[in-house]
Amino acid sequence: MGKDFYIVLVLVLLQNQMCESVNRYCQEAVDSVEIVTSCPTSKIEWEIAAGKKNCEKIASWQKCDSAERFKYHCVINGFRNEMVEVCAPSRIIFGHCVELNVHGGVIQDHRWTPCNDLSPKCGSIYNSSDAYKYPDCYQLVTNGEILSTTPNYTSTSSACKNITCEKPGSA
């Protein structure tokens, strides 16, 4: 089981994730967003924070994904200016930090933060709910300064409090 197996496994995981992505927007995830000043950086801290957030309660009635995949996350937002706690379907992340795209209502790879040996250090393939294992990603948060070139969109979530949000197509 060499490099070829690893490549095939990654392709299968990507294909599976792409098939699921057709209808990924999750309103329950967006509604559960809370801005935080720090995120857990150990399994114990993660378990305590997850217990307080109580995503299992939302998981039982949400329609975004299976209850088993609907998990607690503490991640950076797409603008890298805040950390957020959110209950959302977990995803496979490929070599980037994890972000919550509040406008897309989804947990995803933060495309502008590829992992490397210096900073940020994170796994080449990992589950989004394991973001606590990669605290370098939290250090990318700029405390209010927006670094992303992502266009502004609407969200009724508190995650838009420091940015101008406009609905696509509404002017």
N, C-alpha and C. Protein backbone atom coordinates (compact mmCIF):
# COMPACT_ATOMS: atom_id res chain seq x y z
N MET A 1 0.85 -1.18 0.00
CA MET A 1 0.00 0.00 0.00
C MET A 1 0.89 1.23 0.00
N GLY A 2 1.24 1.65 -1.17
CA GLY A 2 2.15 2.77 -1.30
C GLY A 2 1.44 4.05 -1.67
N LYS A 3 2.16 4.83 -2.42
CA LYS A 3 1.69 6.15 -2.81
C LYS A 3 0.42 6.08 -3.66
N ASP A 4 0.32 5.06 -4.51
CA ASP A 4 -0.87 4.92 -5.37
C ASP A 4 -2.14 4.75 -4.53
N PHE A 5 -2.06 3.95 -3.48
CA PHE A 5 -3.22 3.75 -2.61
C PHE A 5 -3.64 5.07 -1.97
N TYR A 6 -2.66 5.83 -1.50
CA TYR A 6 -2.91 7.12 -0.86
C TYR A 6 -3.60 8.06 -1.85
N ILE A 7 -3.14 8.10 -3.09
CA ILE A 7 -3.73 8.95 -4.11
C ILE A 7 -5.17 8.54 -4.40
N VAL A 8 -5.40 7.25 -4.53
CA VAL A 8 -6.76 6.75 -4.79
C VAL A 8 -7.68 7.09 -3.62
N LEU A 9 -7.19 6.92 -2.39
CA LEU A 9 -7.99 7.24 -1.21
C LEU A 9 -8.39 8.72 -1.21
N VAL A 10 -7.45 9.59 -1.49
CA VAL A 10 -7.73 11.03 -1.54
C VAL A 10 -8.75 11.33 -2.63
N LEU A 11 -8.61 10.73 -3.78
CA LEU A 11 -9.56 10.96 -4.88
C LEU A 11 -10.96 10.49 -4.52
N VAL A 12 -11.06 9.35 -3.86
CA VAL A 12 -12.37 8.84 -3.43
C VAL A 12 -13.00 9.79 -2.41
N LEU A 13 -12.20 10.26 -1.45
CA LEU A 13 -12.72 11.20 -0.46
C LEU A 13 -13.16 12.50 -1.11
N LEU A 14 -12.37 13.00 -2.05
CA LEU A 14 -12.74 14.22 -2.77
C LEU A 14 -14.03 14.04 -3.56
N GLN A 15 -14.15 12.92 -4.26
CA GLN A 15 -15.35 12.65 -5.04
C GLN A 15 -16.57 12.59 -4.13
N ASN A 16 -16.45 11.92 -3.01
CA ASN A 16 -17.55 11.82 -2.07
C ASN A 16 -17.94 13.19 -1.55
N GLN A 17 -16.97 14.00 -1.21
CA GLN A 17 -17.25 15.33 -0.69
C GLN A 17 -17.85 16.22 -1.77
N MET A 18 -17.39 16.10 -3.01
CA MET A 18 -17.94 16.90 -4.10
C MET A 18 -19.40 16.52 -4.35
N CYS A 19 -19.73 15.25 -4.28
CA CYS A 19 -21.12 14.82 -4.49
C CYS A 19 -22.03 15.39 -3.41
N GLU A 20 -21.51 15.48 -2.19
CA GLU A 20 -22.31 16.01 -1.09
C GLU A 20 -22.45 17.51 -1.16
N SER A 21 -21.58 18.19 -1.89
CA SER A 21 -21.52 19.65 -1.85
C SER A 21 -22.60 20.33 -2.67
N VAL A 22 -23.40 19.60 -3.40
CA VAL A 22 -24.42 20.20 -4.24
C VAL A 22 -25.37 21.05 -3.39
N ASN A 23 -25.75 20.56 -2.23
CA ASN A 23 -26.69 21.27 -1.38
C ASN A 23 -26.14 21.33 0.04
N ARG A 24 -25.04 22.06 0.25
CA ARG A 24 -24.37 22.06 1.54
C ARG A 24 -24.82 23.17 2.48
N TYR A 25 -25.46 24.20 1.99
CA TYR A 25 -25.82 25.31 2.86
C TYR A 25 -26.60 24.78 4.06
N CYS A 26 -26.20 25.23 5.23
CA CYS A 26 -26.84 24.73 6.46
C CYS A 26 -27.26 25.91 7.33
N GLN A 27 -28.54 26.23 7.29
CA GLN A 27 -29.06 27.36 8.07
C GLN A 27 -28.87 27.12 9.57
N GLU A 28 -29.03 25.88 10.00
CA GLU A 28 -28.85 25.59 11.43
C GLU A 28 -27.42 25.90 11.88
N ALA A 29 -26.45 25.67 11.01
CA ALA A 29 -25.07 26.02 11.33
C ALA A 29 -24.93 27.53 11.45
N VAL A 30 -25.43 28.26 10.49
CA VAL A 30 -25.35 29.73 10.51
C VAL A 30 -26.02 30.28 11.76
N ASP A 31 -27.17 29.73 12.12
CA ASP A 31 -27.89 30.19 13.30
C ASP A 31 -27.14 29.91 14.60
N SER A 32 -26.25 28.92 14.60
CA SER A 32 -25.54 28.54 15.83
C SER A 32 -24.22 29.29 16.03
N VAL A 33 -23.85 30.17 15.10
CA VAL A 33 -22.55 30.86 15.16
C VAL A 33 -22.47 31.77 16.38
N GLU A 34 -21.35 31.66 17.08
CA GLU A 34 -21.02 32.59 18.17
C GLU A 34 -19.57 32.99 18.01
N ILE A 35 -19.31 34.28 18.07
CA ILE A 35 -17.94 34.79 18.00
C ILE A 35 -17.27 34.55 19.35
N VAL A 36 -16.04 34.07 19.32
CA VAL A 36 -15.29 33.80 20.54
C VAL A 36 -13.91 34.44 20.45
N THR A 37 -13.28 34.62 21.59
CA THR A 37 -11.95 35.22 21.61
C THR A 37 -10.84 34.18 21.54
N SER A 38 -11.18 32.93 21.79
CA SER A 38 -10.19 31.85 21.66
C SER A 38 -10.92 30.54 21.37
N CYS A 39 -10.15 29.60 20.87
CA CYS A 39 -10.68 28.27 20.56
C CYS A 39 -9.90 27.22 21.34
N PRO A 40 -10.50 26.07 21.56
CA PRO A 40 -9.79 24.99 22.26
C PRO A 40 -8.54 24.56 21.50
N THR A 41 -7.48 24.22 22.26
CA THR A 41 -6.25 23.75 21.63
C THR A 41 -5.83 22.40 22.19
N SER A 42 -6.76 21.72 22.87
CA SER A 42 -6.50 20.36 23.34
C SER A 42 -7.81 19.59 23.32
N LYS A 43 -7.71 18.28 23.37
CA LYS A 43 -8.91 17.43 23.36
C LYS A 43 -9.80 17.74 24.56
N ILE A 44 -9.20 17.94 25.72
CA ILE A 44 -9.99 18.22 26.94
C ILE A 44 -10.73 19.55 26.79
N GLU A 45 -10.02 20.60 26.35
CA GLU A 45 -10.67 21.90 26.13
C GLU A 45 -11.79 21.77 25.10
N TRP A 46 -11.54 20.99 24.04
CA TRP A 46 -12.53 20.79 22.99
C TRP A 46 -13.78 20.12 23.58
N GLU A 47 -13.59 19.10 24.39
CA GLU A 47 -14.73 18.39 24.99
C GLU A 47 -15.55 19.30 25.90
N ILE A 48 -14.87 20.15 26.66
CA ILE A 48 -15.58 21.09 27.55
C ILE A 48 -16.39 22.08 26.73
N ALA A 49 -15.75 22.67 25.71
CA ALA A 49 -16.44 23.65 24.86
C ALA A 49 -17.59 23.01 24.10
N ALA A 50 -17.36 21.80 23.60
CA ALA A 50 -18.42 21.08 22.86
C ALA A 50 -19.60 20.79 23.79
N GLY A 51 -19.31 20.44 25.03
CA GLY A 51 -20.39 20.19 25.99
C GLY A 51 -21.22 21.42 26.26
N LYS A 52 -20.56 22.56 26.37
CA LYS A 52 -21.28 23.82 26.59
C LYS A 52 -22.12 24.22 25.38
N LYS A 53 -21.58 24.01 24.18
CA LYS A 53 -22.29 24.39 22.95
C LYS A 53 -23.49 23.46 22.70
N ASN A 54 -23.36 22.20 23.11
CA ASN A 54 -24.45 21.23 23.03
C ASN A 54 -25.00 21.04 21.61
N CYS A 55 -24.10 20.76 20.68
CA CYS A 55 -24.51 20.56 19.29
C CYS A 55 -25.38 19.32 19.10
N GLU A 56 -25.30 18.38 20.03
CA GLU A 56 -26.13 17.17 19.92
C GLU A 56 -27.62 17.52 19.91
N LYS A 57 -27.99 18.56 20.64
CA LYS A 57 -29.39 18.99 20.68
C LYS A 57 -29.85 19.44 19.29
N ILE A 58 -29.04 20.26 18.63
CA ILE A 58 -29.38 20.73 17.29
C ILE A 58 -29.30 19.57 16.30
N ALA A 59 -28.31 18.70 16.48
CA ALA A 59 -28.09 17.57 15.56
C ALA A 59 -29.33 16.69 15.45
N SER A 60 -30.08 16.59 16.52
CA SER A 60 -31.24 15.69 16.52
C SER A 60 -32.37 16.17 15.62
N TRP A 61 -32.44 17.46 15.31
CA TRP A 61 -33.54 17.95 14.48
C TRP A 61 -33.10 18.69 13.20
N GLN A 62 -31.81 18.97 13.05
CA GLN A 62 -31.36 19.68 11.85
C GLN A 62 -31.50 18.80 10.61
N LYS A 63 -31.54 19.43 9.45
CA LYS A 63 -31.76 18.71 8.18
C LYS A 63 -30.55 18.81 7.25
N CYS A 64 -29.40 19.28 7.76
CA CYS A 64 -28.23 19.50 6.91
C CYS A 64 -27.47 18.23 6.60
N ASP A 65 -27.42 17.32 7.55
CA ASP A 65 -26.59 16.13 7.43
C ASP A 65 -27.04 15.14 8.50
N SER A 66 -26.38 14.01 8.55
CA SER A 66 -26.73 13.04 9.58
C SER A 66 -26.35 13.61 10.95
N ALA A 67 -27.06 13.20 11.98
CA ALA A 67 -26.79 13.66 13.34
C ALA A 67 -25.36 13.33 13.77
N GLU A 68 -24.84 12.20 13.30
CA GLU A 68 -23.48 11.77 13.67
C GLU A 68 -22.42 12.73 13.13
N ARG A 69 -22.67 13.34 11.99
CA ARG A 69 -21.68 14.24 11.37
C ARG A 69 -21.85 15.69 11.81
N PHE A 70 -22.93 16.01 12.48
CA PHE A 70 -23.21 17.38 12.92
C PHE A 70 -22.48 17.59 14.24
N LYS A 71 -21.37 18.36 14.20
CA LYS A 71 -20.44 18.44 15.33
C LYS A 71 -20.12 19.88 15.73
N TYR A 72 -19.56 19.99 16.92
CA TYR A 72 -19.01 21.25 17.41
C TYR A 72 -17.74 21.56 16.64
N HIS A 73 -17.58 22.82 16.25
CA HIS A 73 -16.36 23.32 15.60
C HIS A 73 -16.00 24.66 16.24
N CYS A 74 -14.73 24.93 16.33
CA CYS A 74 -14.25 26.26 16.65
C CYS A 74 -13.18 26.56 15.61
N VAL A 75 -13.47 27.51 14.74
CA VAL A 75 -12.64 27.76 13.56
C VAL A 75 -12.55 29.25 13.28
N ILE A 76 -11.68 29.61 12.34
CA ILE A 76 -11.60 31.00 11.90
C ILE A 76 -12.74 31.27 10.90
N ASN A 77 -13.10 32.54 10.76
CA ASN A 77 -14.09 32.85 9.73
C ASN A 77 -13.36 33.10 8.41
N GLY A 78 -14.11 33.23 7.35
CA GLY A 78 -13.52 33.38 6.02
C GLY A 78 -12.70 34.64 5.84
N PHE A 79 -12.93 35.65 6.68
CA PHE A 79 -12.20 36.91 6.58
C PHE A 79 -10.96 36.92 7.48
N ARG A 80 -10.77 35.87 8.25
CA ARG A 80 -9.64 35.74 9.19
C ARG A 80 -9.61 36.88 10.21
N ASN A 81 -10.78 37.42 10.55
CA ASN A 81 -10.81 38.48 11.55
C ASN A 81 -11.53 38.06 12.83
N GLU A 82 -12.03 36.83 12.88
CA GLU A 82 -12.70 36.34 14.07
C GLU A 82 -12.59 34.82 14.15
N MET A 83 -12.70 34.33 15.37
CA MET A 83 -12.87 32.90 15.59
C MET A 83 -14.33 32.68 15.98
N VAL A 84 -14.89 31.59 15.51
CA VAL A 84 -16.30 31.33 15.78
C VAL A 84 -16.50 29.89 16.25
N GLU A 85 -17.46 29.75 17.15
CA GLU A 85 -17.94 28.42 17.52
C GLU A 85 -19.20 28.19 16.71
N VAL A 86 -19.34 26.97 16.21
CA VAL A 86 -20.48 26.68 15.37
C VAL A 86 -20.78 25.18 15.44
N CYS A 87 -22.03 24.83 15.35
CA CYS A 87 -22.46 23.45 15.19
C CYS A 87 -22.71 23.25 13.70
N ALA A 88 -21.99 22.33 13.09
CA ALA A 88 -22.08 22.18 11.63
C ALA A 88 -21.66 20.77 11.22
N PRO A 89 -22.07 20.36 10.03
CA PRO A 89 -21.60 19.07 9.52
C PRO A 89 -20.07 19.07 9.39
N SER A 90 -19.44 18.02 9.86
CA SER A 90 -17.99 17.92 9.73
C SER A 90 -17.64 17.59 8.29
N ARG A 91 -16.45 18.01 7.90
CA ARG A 91 -15.98 17.83 6.54
C ARG A 91 -14.56 17.30 6.57
N ILE A 92 -14.12 16.71 5.50
CA ILE A 92 -12.72 16.33 5.34
C ILE A 92 -12.00 17.56 4.80
N ILE A 93 -10.91 17.95 5.45
CA ILE A 93 -10.14 19.13 5.07
C ILE A 93 -8.83 18.65 4.44
N PHE A 94 -8.47 19.26 3.33
CA PHE A 94 -7.29 18.83 2.56
C PHE A 94 -6.21 19.91 2.57
N GLY A 95 -5.31 19.86 3.55
CA GLY A 95 -4.11 20.67 3.53
C GLY A 95 -4.28 22.17 3.71
N HIS A 96 -5.35 22.60 4.36
CA HIS A 96 -5.60 24.01 4.64
C HIS A 96 -6.13 24.12 6.06
N CYS A 97 -6.15 25.34 6.58
CA CYS A 97 -6.87 25.59 7.83
C CYS A 97 -8.36 25.47 7.54
N VAL A 98 -9.14 25.31 8.58
CA VAL A 98 -10.60 25.21 8.45
C VAL A 98 -11.21 26.59 8.65
N GLU A 99 -12.24 26.88 7.86
CA GLU A 99 -12.98 28.12 8.06
C GLU A 99 -14.47 27.82 8.05
N LEU A 100 -15.22 28.75 8.64
CA LEU A 100 -16.66 28.76 8.47
C LEU A 100 -16.95 29.82 7.42
N ASN A 101 -17.54 29.41 6.32
CA ASN A 101 -18.02 30.35 5.32
C ASN A 101 -19.46 30.64 5.71
N VAL A 102 -19.66 31.73 6.43
CA VAL A 102 -20.98 32.06 6.95
C VAL A 102 -21.96 32.33 5.81
N HIS A 103 -21.49 32.89 4.73
CA HIS A 103 -22.36 33.21 3.60
C HIS A 103 -22.78 31.95 2.85
N GLY A 104 -21.90 30.98 2.81
CA GLY A 104 -22.23 29.71 2.18
C GLY A 104 -22.84 28.72 3.14
N GLY A 105 -22.85 29.07 4.43
CA GLY A 105 -23.43 28.20 5.45
C GLY A 105 -22.72 26.86 5.55
N VAL A 106 -21.36 26.89 5.47
CA VAL A 106 -20.64 25.62 5.41
C VAL A 106 -19.25 25.74 6.03
N ILE A 107 -18.79 24.66 6.61
CA ILE A 107 -17.41 24.49 7.04
C ILE A 107 -16.63 24.06 5.80
N GLN A 108 -15.44 24.65 5.60
CA GLN A 108 -14.69 24.31 4.40
C GLN A 108 -13.20 24.63 4.60
N ASP A 109 -12.40 24.22 3.62
CA ASP A 109 -10.98 24.58 3.59
C ASP A 109 -10.88 26.09 3.40
N HIS A 110 -9.97 26.74 4.14
CA HIS A 110 -9.70 28.16 3.91
C HIS A 110 -8.61 28.21 2.84
N ARG A 111 -8.98 28.44 1.61
CA ARG A 111 -8.10 28.30 0.45
C ARG A 111 -6.86 29.19 0.49
N TRP A 112 -6.89 30.27 1.27
CA TRP A 112 -5.74 31.17 1.32
C TRP A 112 -4.79 30.82 2.46
N THR A 113 -5.03 29.70 3.13
CA THR A 113 -4.15 29.30 4.23
C THR A 113 -3.69 27.85 4.05
N PRO A 114 -2.91 27.57 3.03
CA PRO A 114 -2.41 26.21 2.87
C PRO A 114 -1.44 25.87 4.00
N CYS A 115 -1.49 24.64 4.45
CA CYS A 115 -0.60 24.19 5.51
C CYS A 115 0.80 23.96 4.96
N ASN A 116 1.78 24.20 5.80
CA ASN A 116 3.16 23.90 5.42
C ASN A 116 3.96 23.59 6.68
N ASP A 117 5.26 23.44 6.54
CA ASP A 117 6.10 23.06 7.66
C ASP A 117 6.39 24.22 8.62
N LEU A 118 6.17 25.46 8.19
CA LEU A 118 6.48 26.60 9.04
C LEU A 118 5.22 27.09 9.75
N SER A 119 4.36 27.77 9.03
CA SER A 119 3.13 28.26 9.63
C SER A 119 2.15 28.60 8.50
N PRO A 120 0.94 28.19 8.58
CA PRO A 120 0.38 27.39 9.67
C PRO A 120 0.69 25.91 9.50
N LYS A 121 0.91 25.25 10.59
CA LYS A 121 1.11 23.80 10.58
C LYS A 121 -0.25 23.15 10.77
N CYS A 122 -0.63 22.29 9.84
CA CYS A 122 -1.86 21.51 9.99
C CYS A 122 -1.75 20.28 9.11
N GLY A 123 -2.69 19.37 9.29
CA GLY A 123 -2.63 18.10 8.60
C GLY A 123 -2.90 18.20 7.11
N SER A 124 -2.39 17.23 6.37
CA SER A 124 -2.66 17.20 4.93
C SER A 124 -4.08 16.72 4.66
N ILE A 125 -4.60 15.86 5.53
CA ILE A 125 -6.00 15.41 5.47
C ILE A 125 -6.47 15.23 6.91
N TYR A 126 -7.55 15.91 7.28
CA TYR A 126 -8.08 15.76 8.64
C TYR A 126 -9.55 16.14 8.68
N ASN A 127 -10.20 15.74 9.76
CA ASN A 127 -11.61 16.05 9.94
C ASN A 127 -11.74 17.47 10.49
N SER A 128 -12.67 18.23 9.98
CA SER A 128 -12.84 19.63 10.38
C SER A 128 -13.08 19.79 11.88
N SER A 129 -13.72 18.83 12.51
CA SER A 129 -13.97 18.95 13.95
C SER A 129 -12.71 18.71 14.78
N ASP A 130 -11.61 18.34 14.13
CA ASP A 130 -10.32 18.18 14.81
C ASP A 130 -9.45 19.42 14.66
N ALA A 131 -10.03 20.56 14.35
CA ALA A 131 -9.26 21.79 14.14
C ALA A 131 -8.44 22.18 15.36
N TYR A 132 -8.88 21.80 16.55
CA TYR A 132 -8.14 22.14 17.78
C TYR A 132 -6.71 21.60 17.76
N LYS A 133 -6.46 20.59 16.95
CA LYS A 133 -5.12 20.01 16.86
C LYS A 133 -4.13 20.91 16.12
N TYR A 134 -4.64 21.96 15.48
CA TYR A 134 -3.82 22.82 14.64
C TYR A 134 -3.97 24.29 15.06
N PRO A 135 -3.47 24.63 16.26
CA PRO A 135 -3.65 25.99 16.79
C PRO A 135 -2.97 27.07 15.97
N ASP A 136 -2.02 26.72 15.11
CA ASP A 136 -1.41 27.75 14.24
C ASP A 136 -2.47 28.46 13.42
N CYS A 137 -3.52 27.75 13.06
CA CYS A 137 -4.58 28.35 12.25
C CYS A 137 -5.29 29.47 13.01
N TYR A 138 -5.45 29.32 14.32
CA TYR A 138 -6.10 30.36 15.12
C TYR A 138 -5.25 31.62 15.18
N GLN A 139 -3.95 31.47 15.06
CA GLN A 139 -3.05 32.62 15.12
C GLN A 139 -3.16 33.49 13.87
N LEU A 140 -3.86 33.02 12.86
CA LEU A 140 -4.05 33.80 11.64
C LEU A 140 -5.10 34.90 11.81
N VAL A 141 -5.90 34.81 12.88
CA VAL A 141 -6.95 35.80 13.11
C VAL A 141 -6.32 37.15 13.40
N THR A 142 -6.85 38.19 12.76
CA THR A 142 -6.25 39.52 12.80
C THR A 142 -6.99 40.50 13.69
N ASN A 143 -7.89 40.00 14.54
CA ASN A 143 -8.60 40.86 15.50
C ASN A 143 -9.29 42.06 14.87
N GLY A 144 -10.16 41.79 13.93
CA GLY A 144 -10.99 42.83 13.36
C GLY A 144 -10.57 43.33 12.00
N GLU A 145 -9.31 43.14 11.62
CA GLU A 145 -8.84 43.59 10.31
C GLU A 145 -9.19 42.53 9.27
N ILE A 146 -9.91 42.92 8.25
CA ILE A 146 -10.34 41.97 7.23
C ILE A 146 -9.22 41.79 6.21
N LEU A 147 -8.76 40.54 6.03
CA LEU A 147 -7.68 40.26 5.09
C LEU A 147 -8.15 39.62 3.80
N SER A 148 -9.34 39.05 3.80
CA SER A 148 -9.81 38.33 2.64
C SER A 148 -10.24 39.28 1.53
N THR A 149 -10.12 38.82 0.31
CA THR A 149 -10.62 39.59 -0.82
C THR A 149 -11.98 39.07 -1.26
N THR A 150 -12.60 38.23 -0.43
CA THR A 150 -13.92 37.69 -0.72
C THR A 150 -14.92 38.84 -0.78
N PRO A 151 -15.80 38.87 -1.79
CA PRO A 151 -16.80 39.94 -1.86
C PRO A 151 -17.77 39.87 -0.69
N ASN A 152 -18.38 41.00 -0.37
CA ASN A 152 -19.34 41.05 0.72
C ASN A 152 -20.66 40.41 0.32
N TYR A 153 -21.24 39.65 1.24
CA TYR A 153 -22.53 39.01 1.03
C TYR A 153 -23.34 39.18 2.30
N THR A 154 -24.58 38.75 2.26
CA THR A 154 -25.45 38.89 3.41
C THR A 154 -25.38 37.71 4.34
N SER A 155 -25.54 38.02 5.59
CA SER A 155 -25.78 37.01 6.60
C SER A 155 -26.50 37.70 7.73
N THR A 156 -27.47 37.03 8.29
CA THR A 156 -28.16 37.58 9.44
C THR A 156 -27.44 37.18 10.71
N SER A 157 -26.37 36.44 10.58
CA SER A 157 -25.59 35.98 11.72
C SER A 157 -24.78 37.10 12.33
N SER A 158 -24.46 36.95 13.61
CA SER A 158 -23.61 37.91 14.29
C SER A 158 -22.20 37.89 13.73
N ALA A 159 -21.85 36.89 12.93
CA ALA A 159 -20.51 36.81 12.36
C ALA A 159 -20.28 37.93 11.36
N CYS A 160 -21.30 38.66 10.97
CA CYS A 160 -21.15 39.77 10.03
C CYS A 160 -21.05 41.11 10.74
N LYS A 161 -20.93 41.11 12.04
CA LYS A 161 -20.99 42.37 12.78
C LYS A 161 -19.87 43.35 12.42
N ASN A 162 -18.71 42.86 12.03
CA ASN A 162 -17.60 43.76 11.73
C ASN A 162 -17.40 43.99 10.24
N ILE A 163 -18.31 43.52 9.41
CA ILE A 163 -18.15 43.67 7.97
C ILE A 163 -19.44 44.18 7.37
N THR A 164 -19.35 44.75 6.20
CA THR A 164 -20.52 45.18 5.47
C THR A 164 -21.07 43.98 4.72
N CYS A 165 -22.28 43.64 4.99
CA CYS A 165 -22.88 42.47 4.35
C CYS A 165 -24.00 42.92 3.43
N GLU A 166 -23.97 42.43 2.21
CA GLU A 166 -25.03 42.70 1.25
C GLU A 166 -25.41 41.39 0.59
N LYS A 167 -26.67 41.23 0.33
CA LYS A 167 -27.16 40.02 -0.31
C LYS A 167 -26.76 40.00 -1.77
N PRO A 168 -26.27 38.83 -2.27
CA PRO A 168 -26.00 38.75 -3.70
C PRO A 168 -27.27 39.01 -4.50
N GLY A 169 -27.19 39.84 -5.49
CA GLY A 169 -28.33 40.12 -6.34
C GLY A 169 -29.29 41.14 -5.79
N SER A 170 -29.06 41.65 -4.57
CA SER A 170 -29.98 42.65 -4.03
C SER A 170 -29.28 44.00 -4.00
N ALA A 171 -29.80 44.91 -4.69
CA ALA A 171 -29.19 46.24 -4.70
C ALA A 171 -30.24 47.30 -4.86
